[in-house]
Amino acid sequence: TISKNNGKNTVYLQMYSLKPEDTAVYYCHVRIDGNDY
């Protein structure tokens, strides 16, 4: 589940029932005026 708290300028990713295939480096992303950060 992805969610956010605008007051805290934070986005969350709640992950349940994790599997070995979920193993990875997880990156946060925002697109601002066509630019990726």
PDB file of all heavy atoms in Angstrom:
ATOM      1  N   THR A   1       0.843  -1.193   0.000  1.00  0.00           N
ATOM      2  CA  THR A   1       0.000   0.000   0.000  1.00  0.00           C
ATOM      3  C   THR A   1       0.875   1.238   0.000  1.00  0.00           C
ATOM      4  O   THR A   1       1.749   1.386   0.867  1.00  0.00           O
ATOM      5  CB  THR A   1      -0.920   0.024   1.225  1.00  0.00           C
ATOM      6  OG1 THR A   1      -1.756  -1.135   1.235  1.00  0.00           O
ATOM      7  CG2 THR A   1      -1.809   1.268   1.200  1.00  0.00           C
ATOM      8  N   ILE A   2       0.628   2.118  -0.960  1.00  0.00           N
ATOM      9  CA  ILE A   2       1.327   3.396  -1.000  1.00  0.00           C
ATOM     10  C   ILE A   2       0.410   4.459  -0.410  1.00  0.00           C
ATOM     11  O   ILE A   2      -0.800   4.451  -0.647  1.00  0.00           O
ATOM     12  CB  ILE A   2       1.766   3.765  -2.438  1.00  0.00           C
ATOM     13  CG1 ILE A   2       2.668   4.995  -2.430  1.00  0.00           C
ATOM     14  CG2 ILE A   2       0.567   3.955  -3.360  1.00  0.00           C
ATOM     15  CD1 ILE A   2       3.334   5.275  -3.780  1.00  0.00           C
ATOM     16  N   SER A   3       1.006   5.349   0.357  1.00  0.00           N
ATOM     17  CA  SER A   3       0.233   6.430   0.961  1.00  0.00           C
ATOM     18  C   SER A   3       1.160   7.620   1.160  1.00  0.00           C
ATOM     19  O   SER A   3       2.375   7.519   0.928  1.00  0.00           O
ATOM     20  CB  SER A   3      -0.380   5.989   2.293  1.00  0.00           C
ATOM     21  OG  SER A   3       0.640   5.665   3.227  1.00  0.00           O
ATOM     22  N   LYS A   4       0.591   8.723   1.594  1.00  0.00           N
ATOM     23  CA  LYS A   4       1.434   9.884   1.835  1.00  0.00           C
ATOM     24  C   LYS A   4       0.850  10.748   2.934  1.00  0.00           C
ATOM     25  O   LYS A   4      -0.341  10.679   3.241  1.00  0.00           O
ATOM     26  CB  LYS A   4       1.612  10.704   0.552  1.00  0.00           C
ATOM     27  CG  LYS A   4       0.319  11.287  -0.006  1.00  0.00           C
ATOM     28  CD  LYS A   4       0.627  12.171  -1.208  1.00  0.00           C
ATOM     29  CE  LYS A   4      -0.645  12.751  -1.790  1.00  0.00           C
ATOM     30  NZ  LYS A   4      -0.361  13.807  -2.782  1.00  0.00           N
ATOM     31  N   ASN A   5       1.717  11.542   3.498  1.00  0.00           N
ATOM     32  CA  ASN A   5       1.341  12.535   4.490  1.00  0.00           C
ATOM     33  C   ASN A   5       1.900  13.865   3.997  1.00  0.00           C
ATOM     34  O   ASN A   5       3.103  14.121   4.110  1.00  0.00           O
ATOM     35  CB  ASN A   5       1.907  12.167   5.861  1.00  0.00           C
ATOM     36  CG  ASN A   5       1.467  13.118   6.949  1.00  0.00           C
ATOM     37  OD1 ASN A   5       1.334  14.315   6.729  1.00  0.00           O
ATOM     38  ND2 ASN A   5       1.247  12.580   8.131  1.00  0.00           N
ATOM     39  N   ASN A   6       1.034  14.669   3.415  1.00  0.00           N
ATOM     40  CA  ASN A   6       1.511  15.926   2.837  1.00  0.00           C
ATOM     41  C   ASN A   6       2.119  16.841   3.896  1.00  0.00           C
ATOM     42  O   ASN A   6       3.079  17.561   3.625  1.00  0.00           O
ATOM     43  CB  ASN A   6       0.373  16.642   2.119  1.00  0.00           C
ATOM     44  CG  ASN A   6      -0.023  15.945   0.827  1.00  0.00           C
ATOM     45  OD1 ASN A   6       0.785  15.248   0.211  1.00  0.00           O
ATOM     46  ND2 ASN A   6      -1.267  16.115   0.416  1.00  0.00           N
ATOM     47  N   GLY A   7       1.582  16.799   5.090  1.00  0.00           N
ATOM     48  CA  GLY A   7       2.102  17.660   6.156  1.00  0.00           C
ATOM     49  C   GLY A   7       3.524  17.299   6.555  1.00  0.00           C
ATOM     50  O   GLY A   7       4.273  18.149   7.041  1.00  0.00           O
ATOM     51  N   LYS A   8       3.879  16.034   6.338  1.00  0.00           N
ATOM     52  CA  LYS A   8       5.231  15.581   6.671  1.00  0.00           C
ATOM     53  C   LYS A   8       6.102  15.439   5.429  1.00  0.00           C
ATOM     54  O   LYS A   8       7.233  14.965   5.535  1.00  0.00           O
ATOM     55  CB  LYS A   8       5.158  14.243   7.410  1.00  0.00           C
ATOM     56  CG  LYS A   8       4.510  14.336   8.789  1.00  0.00           C
ATOM     57  CD  LYS A   8       4.568  13.008   9.514  1.00  0.00           C
ATOM     58  CE  LYS A   8       3.978  13.133  10.913  1.00  0.00           C
ATOM     59  NZ  LYS A   8       4.048  11.846  11.659  1.00  0.00           N
ATOM     60  N   ASN A   9       5.570  15.835   4.276  1.00  0.00           N
ATOM     61  CA  ASN A   9       6.328  15.721   3.014  1.00  0.00           C
ATOM     62  C   ASN A   9       6.856  14.298   2.812  1.00  0.00           C
ATOM     63  O   ASN A   9       8.001  14.110   2.383  1.00  0.00           O
ATOM     64  CB  ASN A   9       7.496  16.711   2.990  1.00  0.00           C
ATOM     65  CG  ASN A   9       7.054  18.147   3.111  1.00  0.00           C
ATOM     66  OD1 ASN A   9       5.930  18.482   2.772  1.00  0.00           O
ATOM     67  ND2 ASN A   9       7.928  18.996   3.612  1.00  0.00           N
ATOM     68  N   THR A  10       6.037  13.326   3.122  1.00  0.00           N
ATOM     69  CA  THR A  10       6.504  11.936   3.139  1.00  0.00           C
ATOM     70  C   THR A  10       5.548  11.019   2.383  1.00  0.00           C
ATOM     71  O   THR A  10       4.329  11.155   2.500  1.00  0.00           O
ATOM     72  CB  THR A  10       6.649  11.436   4.590  1.00  0.00           C
ATOM     73  OG1 THR A  10       7.588  12.266   5.275  1.00  0.00           O
ATOM     74  CG2 THR A  10       7.145  10.001   4.633  1.00  0.00           C
ATOM     75  N   VAL A  11       6.136  10.121   1.624  1.00  0.00           N
ATOM     76  CA  VAL A  11       5.403   9.041   0.980  1.00  0.00           C
ATOM     77  C   VAL A  11       5.843   7.728   1.625  1.00  0.00           C
ATOM     78  O   VAL A  11       7.031   7.546   1.916  1.00  0.00           O
ATOM     79  CB  VAL A  11       5.688   9.011  -0.535  1.00  0.00           C
ATOM     80  CG1 VAL A  11       5.160   7.730  -1.155  1.00  0.00           C
ATOM     81  CG2 VAL A  11       5.035  10.193  -1.218  1.00  0.00           C
ATOM     82  N   TYR A  12       4.880   6.843   1.814  1.00  0.00           N
ATOM     83  CA  TYR A  12       5.153   5.564   2.464  1.00  0.00           C
ATOM     84  C   TYR A  12       4.858   4.402   1.510  1.00  0.00           C
ATOM     85  O   TYR A  12       4.037   4.529   0.602  1.00  0.00           O
ATOM     86  CB  TYR A  12       4.274   5.401   3.703  1.00  0.00           C
ATOM     87  CG  TYR A  12       4.396   6.495   4.699  1.00  0.00           C
ATOM     88  CD1 TYR A  12       3.480   7.550   4.722  1.00  0.00           C
ATOM     89  CD2 TYR A  12       5.431   6.503   5.643  1.00  0.00           C
ATOM     90  CE1 TYR A  12       3.585   8.576   5.645  1.00  0.00           C
ATOM     91  CE2 TYR A  12       5.546   7.526   6.565  1.00  0.00           C
ATOM     92  CZ  TYR A  12       4.621   8.555   6.568  1.00  0.00           C
ATOM     93  OH  TYR A  12       4.734   9.569   7.486  1.00  0.00           O
ATOM     94  N   LEU A  13       5.519   3.306   1.764  1.00  0.00           N
ATOM     95  CA  LEU A  13       5.178   2.056   1.094  1.00  0.00           C
ATOM     96  C   LEU A  13       5.090   0.994   2.172  1.00  0.00           C
ATOM     97  O   LEU A  13       6.114   0.563   2.715  1.00  0.00           O
ATOM     98  CB  LEU A  13       6.207   1.665   0.040  1.00  0.00           C
ATOM     99  CG  LEU A  13       5.849   0.426  -0.774  1.00  0.00           C
ATOM    100  CD1 LEU A  13       4.647   0.716  -1.681  1.00  0.00           C
ATOM    101  CD2 LEU A  13       7.023  -0.050  -1.609  1.00  0.00           C
ATOM    102  N   GLN A  14       3.875   0.606   2.498  1.00  0.00           N
ATOM    103  CA  GLN A  14       3.657  -0.468   3.466  1.00  0.00           C
ATOM    104  C   GLN A  14       3.635  -1.781   2.715  1.00  0.00           C
ATOM    105  O   GLN A  14       2.844  -1.951   1.793  1.00  0.00           O
ATOM    106  CB  GLN A  14       2.342  -0.252   4.202  1.00  0.00           C
ATOM    107  CG  GLN A  14       2.016  -1.332   5.200  1.00  0.00           C
ATOM    108  CD  GLN A  14       2.962  -1.338   6.387  1.00  0.00           C
ATOM    109  OE1 GLN A  14       3.101  -0.336   7.081  1.00  0.00           O
ATOM    110  NE2 GLN A  14       3.609  -2.470   6.620  1.00  0.00           N
ATOM    111  N   MET A  15       4.498  -2.688   3.117  1.00  0.00           N
ATOM    112  CA  MET A  15       4.629  -3.958   2.423  1.00  0.00           C
ATOM    113  C   MET A  15       4.275  -5.096   3.364  1.00  0.00           C
ATOM    114  O   MET A  15       4.876  -5.230   4.438  1.00  0.00           O
ATOM    115  CB  MET A  15       6.062  -4.129   1.903  1.00  0.00           C
ATOM    116  CG  MET A  15       6.526  -2.960   1.036  1.00  0.00           C
ATOM    117  SD  MET A  15       8.156  -3.200   0.320  1.00  0.00           S
ATOM    118  CE  MET A  15       9.176  -3.085   1.798  1.00  0.00           C
ATOM    119  N   TYR A  16       3.308  -5.900   2.970  1.00  0.00           N
ATOM    120  CA  TYR A  16       2.888  -7.069   3.729  1.00  0.00           C
ATOM    121  C   TYR A  16       3.164  -8.331   2.912  1.00  0.00           C
ATOM    122  O   TYR A  16       3.360  -8.281   1.705  1.00  0.00           O
ATOM    123  CB  TYR A  16       1.393  -7.001   4.039  1.00  0.00           C
ATOM    124  CG  TYR A  16       0.966  -5.879   4.936  1.00  0.00           C
ATOM    125  CD1 TYR A  16       0.292  -4.772   4.417  1.00  0.00           C
ATOM    126  CD2 TYR A  16       1.201  -5.923   6.301  1.00  0.00           C
ATOM    127  CE1 TYR A  16      -0.116  -3.739   5.234  1.00  0.00           C
ATOM    128  CE2 TYR A  16       0.789  -4.888   7.134  1.00  0.00           C
ATOM    129  CZ  TYR A  16       0.125  -3.798   6.596  1.00  0.00           C
ATOM    130  OH  TYR A  16      -0.280  -2.775   7.416  1.00  0.00           O
ATOM    131  N   SER A  17       3.125  -9.460   3.598  1.00  0.00           N
ATOM    132  CA  SER A  17       3.265 -10.761   2.936  1.00  0.00           C
ATOM    133  C   SER A  17       4.450 -10.777   1.980  1.00  0.00           C
ATOM    134  O   SER A  17       4.345 -11.206   0.829  1.00  0.00           O
ATOM    135  CB  SER A  17       1.972 -11.110   2.170  1.00  0.00           C
ATOM    136  OG  SER A  17       0.862 -11.129   3.032  1.00  0.00           O
ATOM    137  N   LEU A  18       5.565 -10.306   2.464  1.00  0.00           N
ATOM    138  CA  LEU A  18       6.748 -10.204   1.613  1.00  0.00           C
ATOM    139  C   LEU A  18       7.234 -11.568   1.161  1.00  0.00           C
ATOM    140  O   LEU A  18       7.139 -12.565   1.900  1.00  0.00           O
ATOM    141  CB  LEU A  18       7.848  -9.452   2.351  1.00  0.00           C
ATOM    142  CG  LEU A  18       7.638  -7.935   2.404  1.00  0.00           C
ATOM    143  CD1 LEU A  18       8.465  -7.313   3.506  1.00  0.00           C
ATOM    144  CD2 LEU A  18       7.974  -7.310   1.051  1.00  0.00           C
ATOM    145  N   LYS A  19       7.751 -11.582  -0.055  1.00  0.00           N
ATOM    146  CA  LYS A  19       8.255 -12.800  -0.663  1.00  0.00           C
ATOM    147  C   LYS A  19       9.725 -12.607  -1.026  1.00  0.00           C
ATOM    148  O   LYS A  19      10.169 -11.470  -1.233  1.00  0.00           O
ATOM    149  CB  LYS A  19       7.470 -13.104  -1.942  1.00  0.00           C
ATOM    150  CG  LYS A  19       5.963 -13.172  -1.772  1.00  0.00           C
ATOM    151  CD  LYS A  19       5.273 -13.346  -3.116  1.00  0.00           C
ATOM    152  CE  LYS A  19       3.758 -13.376  -2.971  1.00  0.00           C
ATOM    153  NZ  LYS A  19       3.085 -13.534  -4.286  1.00  0.00           N
ATOM    154  N   PRO A  20      10.463 -13.694  -1.156  1.00  0.00           N
ATOM    155  CA  PRO A  20      11.874 -13.549  -1.565  1.00  0.00           C
ATOM    156  C   PRO A  20      12.028 -12.763  -2.875  1.00  0.00           C
ATOM    157  O   PRO A  20      13.018 -12.040  -3.030  1.00  0.00           O
ATOM    158  CB  PRO A  20      12.337 -15.002  -1.715  1.00  0.00           C
ATOM    159  CG  PRO A  20      11.501 -15.744  -0.726  1.00  0.00           C
ATOM    160  CD  PRO A  20      10.144 -15.084  -0.790  1.00  0.00           C
ATOM    161  N   GLU A  21      11.070 -12.884  -3.777  1.00  0.00           N
ATOM    162  CA  GLU A  21      11.174 -12.158  -5.048  1.00  0.00           C
ATOM    163  C   GLU A  21      10.941 -10.654  -4.892  1.00  0.00           C
ATOM    164  O   GLU A  21      11.119  -9.903  -5.856  1.00  0.00           O
ATOM    165  CB  GLU A  21      10.195 -12.720  -6.089  1.00  0.00           C
ATOM    166  CG  GLU A  21       8.768 -12.887  -5.609  1.00  0.00           C
ATOM    167  CD  GLU A  21       8.474 -14.304  -5.134  1.00  0.00           C
ATOM    168  OE1 GLU A  21       9.321 -14.890  -4.408  1.00  0.00           O
ATOM    169  OE2 GLU A  21       7.383 -14.810  -5.478  1.00  0.00           O
ATOM    170  N   ASP A  22      10.573 -10.206  -3.708  1.00  0.00           N
ATOM    171  CA  ASP A  22      10.480  -8.774  -3.446  1.00  0.00           C
ATOM    172  C   ASP A  22      11.845  -8.176  -3.081  1.00  0.00           C
ATOM    173  O   ASP A  22      11.972  -6.958  -2.941  1.00  0.00           O
ATOM    174  CB  ASP A  22       9.510  -8.493  -2.293  1.00  0.00           C
ATOM    175  CG  ASP A  22       8.074  -8.855  -2.634  1.00  0.00           C
ATOM    176  OD1 ASP A  22       7.636  -8.544  -3.768  1.00  0.00           O
ATOM    177  OD2 ASP A  22       7.396  -9.450  -1.770  1.00  0.00           O
ATOM    178  N   THR A  23      12.828  -9.032  -2.929  1.00  0.00           N
ATOM    179  CA  THR A  23      14.174  -8.559  -2.613  1.00  0.00           C
ATOM    180  C   THR A  23      14.691  -7.640  -3.708  1.00  0.00           C
ATOM    181  O   THR A  23      14.704  -8.018  -4.890  1.00  0.00           O
ATOM    182  CB  THR A  23      15.133  -9.753  -2.442  1.00  0.00           C
ATOM    183  OG1 THR A  23      14.730 -10.507  -1.290  1.00  0.00           O
ATOM    184  CG2 THR A  23      16.568  -9.290  -2.277  1.00  0.00           C
ATOM    185  N   ALA A  24      15.086  -6.433  -3.318  1.00  0.00           N
ATOM    186  CA  ALA A  24      15.541  -5.437  -4.285  1.00  0.00           C
ATOM    187  C   ALA A  24      15.968  -4.188  -3.533  1.00  0.00           C
ATOM    188  O   ALA A  24      15.744  -4.061  -2.327  1.00  0.00           O
ATOM    189  CB  ALA A  24      14.420  -5.080  -5.267  1.00  0.00           C
ATOM    190  N   VAL A  25      16.565  -3.274  -4.272  1.00  0.00           N
ATOM    191  CA  VAL A  25      16.748  -1.918  -3.769  1.00  0.00           C
ATOM    192  C   VAL A  25      15.525  -1.118  -4.184  1.00  0.00           C
ATOM    193  O   VAL A  25      15.157  -1.114  -5.365  1.00  0.00           O
ATOM    194  CB  VAL A  25      18.031  -1.278  -4.317  1.00  0.00           C
ATOM    195  CG1 VAL A  25      18.157   0.157  -3.811  1.00  0.00           C
ATOM    196  CG2 VAL A  25      19.256  -2.092  -3.924  1.00  0.00           C
ATOM    197  N   TYR A  26      14.917  -0.470  -3.223  1.00  0.00           N
ATOM    198  CA  TYR A  26      13.696   0.294  -3.470  1.00  0.00           C
ATOM    199  C   TYR A  26      14.037   1.778  -3.529  1.00  0.00           C
ATOM    200  O   TYR A  26      14.722   2.310  -2.640  1.00  0.00           O
ATOM    201  CB  TYR A  26      12.666   0.015  -2.367  1.00  0.00           C
ATOM    202  CG  TYR A  26      12.004  -1.321  -2.517  1.00  0.00           C
ATOM    203  CD1 TYR A  26      12.716  -2.509  -2.296  1.00  0.00           C
ATOM    204  CD2 TYR A  26      10.675  -1.425  -2.915  1.00  0.00           C
ATOM    205  CE1 TYR A  26      12.120  -3.745  -2.464  1.00  0.00           C
ATOM    206  CE2 TYR A  26      10.057  -2.663  -3.078  1.00  0.00           C
ATOM    207  CZ  TYR A  26      10.782  -3.813  -2.855  1.00  0.00           C
ATOM    208  OH  TYR A  26      10.183  -5.044  -3.015  1.00  0.00           O
ATOM    209  N   TYR A  27      13.522   2.412  -4.581  1.00  0.00           N
ATOM    210  CA  TYR A  27      13.815   3.819  -4.817  1.00  0.00           C
ATOM    211  C   TYR A  27      12.538   4.650  -4.790  1.00  0.00           C
ATOM    212  O   TYR A  27      11.536   4.289  -5.404  1.00  0.00           O
ATOM    213  CB  TYR A  27      14.470   4.004  -6.185  1.00  0.00           C
ATOM    214  CG  TYR A  27      15.817   3.354  -6.333  1.00  0.00           C
ATOM    215  CD1 TYR A  27      15.939   2.057  -6.821  1.00  0.00           C
ATOM    216  CD2 TYR A  27      16.991   4.033  -5.988  1.00  0.00           C
ATOM    217  CE1 TYR A  27      17.172   1.448  -6.966  1.00  0.00           C
ATOM    218  CE2 TYR A  27      18.231   3.438  -6.136  1.00  0.00           C
ATOM    219  CZ  TYR A  27      18.313   2.143  -6.619  1.00  0.00           C
ATOM    220  OH  TYR A  27      19.537   1.548  -6.762  1.00  0.00           O
ATOM    221  N   CYS A  28      12.630   5.764  -4.118  1.00  0.00           N
ATOM    222  CA  CYS A  28      11.558   6.749  -4.138  1.00  0.00           C
ATOM    223  C   CYS A  28      11.726   7.634  -5.369  1.00  0.00           C
ATOM    224  O   CYS A  28      12.858   7.907  -5.794  1.00  0.00           O
ATOM    225  CB  CYS A  28      11.648   7.586  -2.860  1.00  0.00           C
ATOM    226  SG  CYS A  28      10.377   8.840  -2.682  1.00  0.00           S
ATOM    227  N   HIS A  29      10.634   8.082  -5.916  1.00  0.00           N
ATOM    228  CA  HIS A  29      10.673   8.854  -7.150  1.00  0.00           C
ATOM    229  C   HIS A  29       9.631   9.970  -7.112  1.00  0.00           C
ATOM    230  O   HIS A  29       8.535   9.794  -6.582  1.00  0.00           O
ATOM    231  CB  HIS A  29      10.386   7.919  -8.330  1.00  0.00           C
ATOM    232  CG  HIS A  29      10.139   8.625  -9.630  1.00  0.00           C
ATOM    233  ND1 HIS A  29       8.875   8.903 -10.107  1.00  0.00           N
ATOM    234  CD2 HIS A  29      11.016   9.101 -10.558  1.00  0.00           C
ATOM    235  CE1 HIS A  29       8.974   9.515 -11.271  1.00  0.00           C
ATOM    236  NE2 HIS A  29      10.268   9.634 -11.577  1.00  0.00           N
ATOM    237  N   VAL A  30      10.003  11.085  -7.711  1.00  0.00           N
ATOM    238  CA  VAL A  30       9.044  12.164  -7.948  1.00  0.00           C
ATOM    239  C   VAL A  30       9.365  12.798  -9.287  1.00  0.00           C
ATOM    240  O   VAL A  30      10.536  12.909  -9.658  1.00  0.00           O
ATOM    241  CB  VAL A  30       9.066  13.215  -6.811  1.00  0.00           C
ATOM    242  CG1 VAL A  30      10.395  13.956  -6.763  1.00  0.00           C
ATOM    243  CG2 VAL A  30       7.906  14.193  -6.945  1.00  0.00           C
ATOM    244  N   ARG A  31       8.318  13.131 -10.016  1.00  0.00           N
ATOM    245  CA  ARG A  31       8.508  13.789 -11.313  1.00  0.00           C
ATOM    246  C   ARG A  31       8.027  15.226 -11.182  1.00  0.00           C
ATOM    247  O   ARG A  31       6.854  15.473 -10.885  1.00  0.00           O
ATOM    248  CB  ARG A  31       7.738  13.056 -12.408  1.00  0.00           C
ATOM    249  CG  ARG A  31       7.810  13.747 -13.764  1.00  0.00           C
ATOM    250  CD  ARG A  31       7.336  12.830 -14.863  1.00  0.00           C
ATOM    251  NE  ARG A  31       8.262  11.730 -15.071  1.00  0.00           N
ATOM    252  CZ  ARG A  31       8.001  10.685 -15.868  1.00  0.00           C
ATOM    253  NH1 ARG A  31       6.843  10.609 -16.489  1.00  0.00           N
ATOM    254  NH2 ARG A  31       8.888   9.735 -16.025  1.00  0.00           N
ATOM    255  N   ILE A  32       8.932  16.130 -11.410  1.00  0.00           N
ATOM    256  CA  ILE A  32       8.633  17.559 -11.265  1.00  0.00           C
ATOM    257  C   ILE A  32       8.863  18.245 -12.599  1.00  0.00           C
ATOM    258  O   ILE A  32      10.005  18.318 -13.074  1.00  0.00           O
ATOM    259  CB  ILE A  32       9.503  18.196 -10.165  1.00  0.00           C
ATOM    260  CG1 ILE A  32       9.237  17.509  -8.826  1.00  0.00           C
ATOM    261  CG2 ILE A  32       9.248  19.691 -10.068  1.00  0.00           C
ATOM    262  CD1 ILE A  32      10.156  17.941  -7.714  1.00  0.00           C
ATOM    263  N   ASP A  33       7.768  18.717 -13.176  1.00  0.00           N
ATOM    264  CA  ASP A  33       7.852  19.437 -14.460  1.00  0.00           C
ATOM    265  C   ASP A  33       8.621  18.647 -15.511  1.00  0.00           C
ATOM    266  O   ASP A  33       9.478  19.200 -16.226  1.00  0.00           O
ATOM    267  CB  ASP A  33       8.495  20.810 -14.241  1.00  0.00           C
ATOM    268  CG  ASP A  33       7.684  21.700 -13.323  1.00  0.00           C
ATOM    269  OD1 ASP A  33       6.445  21.510 -13.272  1.00  0.00           O
ATOM    270  OD2 ASP A  33       8.275  22.567 -12.658  1.00  0.00           O
ATOM    271  N   GLY A  34       8.352  17.360 -15.565  1.00  0.00           N
ATOM    272  CA  GLY A  34       8.978  16.509 -16.570  1.00  0.00           C
ATOM    273  C   GLY A  34      10.339  15.973 -16.207  1.00  0.00           C
ATOM    274  O   GLY A  34      10.916  15.188 -16.969  1.00  0.00           O
ATOM    275  N   ASN A  35      10.863  16.362 -15.071  1.00  0.00           N
ATOM    276  CA  ASN A  35      12.174  15.875 -14.627  1.00  0.00           C
ATOM    277  C   ASN A  35      12.001  14.824 -13.542  1.00  0.00           C
ATOM    278  O   ASN A  35      11.184  14.984 -12.638  1.00  0.00           O
ATOM    279  CB  ASN A  35      13.022  17.031 -14.089  1.00  0.00           C
ATOM    280  CG  ASN A  35      13.317  18.059 -15.158  1.00  0.00           C
ATOM    281  OD1 ASN A  35      13.770  17.714 -16.257  1.00  0.00           O
ATOM    282  ND2 ASN A  35      13.055  19.323 -14.873  1.00  0.00           N
ATOM    283  N   ASP A  36      12.795  13.767 -13.639  1.00  0.00           N
ATOM    284  CA  ASP A  36      12.725  12.663 -12.683  1.00  0.00           C
ATOM    285  C   ASP A  36      13.784  12.827 -11.605  1.00  0.00           C
ATOM    286  O   ASP A  36      14.953  13.077 -11.899  1.00  0.00           O
ATOM    287  CB  ASP A  36      12.938  11.327 -13.394  1.00  0.00           C
ATOM    288  CG  ASP A  36      11.793  11.008 -14.335  1.00  0.00           C
ATOM    289  OD1 ASP A  36      10.631  11.139 -13.925  1.00  0.00           O
ATOM    290  OD2 ASP A  36      12.067  10.647 -15.494  1.00  0.00           O
ATOM    291  N   TYR A  37      13.340  12.643 -10.365  1.00  0.00           N
ATOM    292  CA  TYR A  37      14.249  12.713  -9.236  1.00  0.00           C
ATOM    293  C   TYR A  37      14.117  11.425  -8.435  1.00  0.00           C
ATOM    294  O   TYR A  37      13.006  10.913  -8.244  1.00  0.00           O
ATOM    295  CB  TYR A  37      13.939  13.927  -8.353  1.00  0.00           C
ATOM    296  CG  TYR A  37      14.125  15.233  -9.070  1.00  0.00           C
ATOM    297  CD1 TYR A  37      13.082  15.816  -9.765  1.00  0.00           C
ATOM    298  CD2 TYR A  37      15.364  15.873  -9.068  1.00  0.00           C
ATOM    299  CE1 TYR A  37      13.244  17.008 -10.446  1.00  0.00           C
ATOM    300  CE2 TYR A  37      15.538  17.069  -9.742  1.00  0.00           C
ATOM    301  CZ  TYR A  37      14.481  17.628 -10.427  1.00  0.00           C
ATOM    302  OH  TYR A  37      14.655  18.803 -11.105  1.00  0.00           O
TER     303      TYR A  37
END
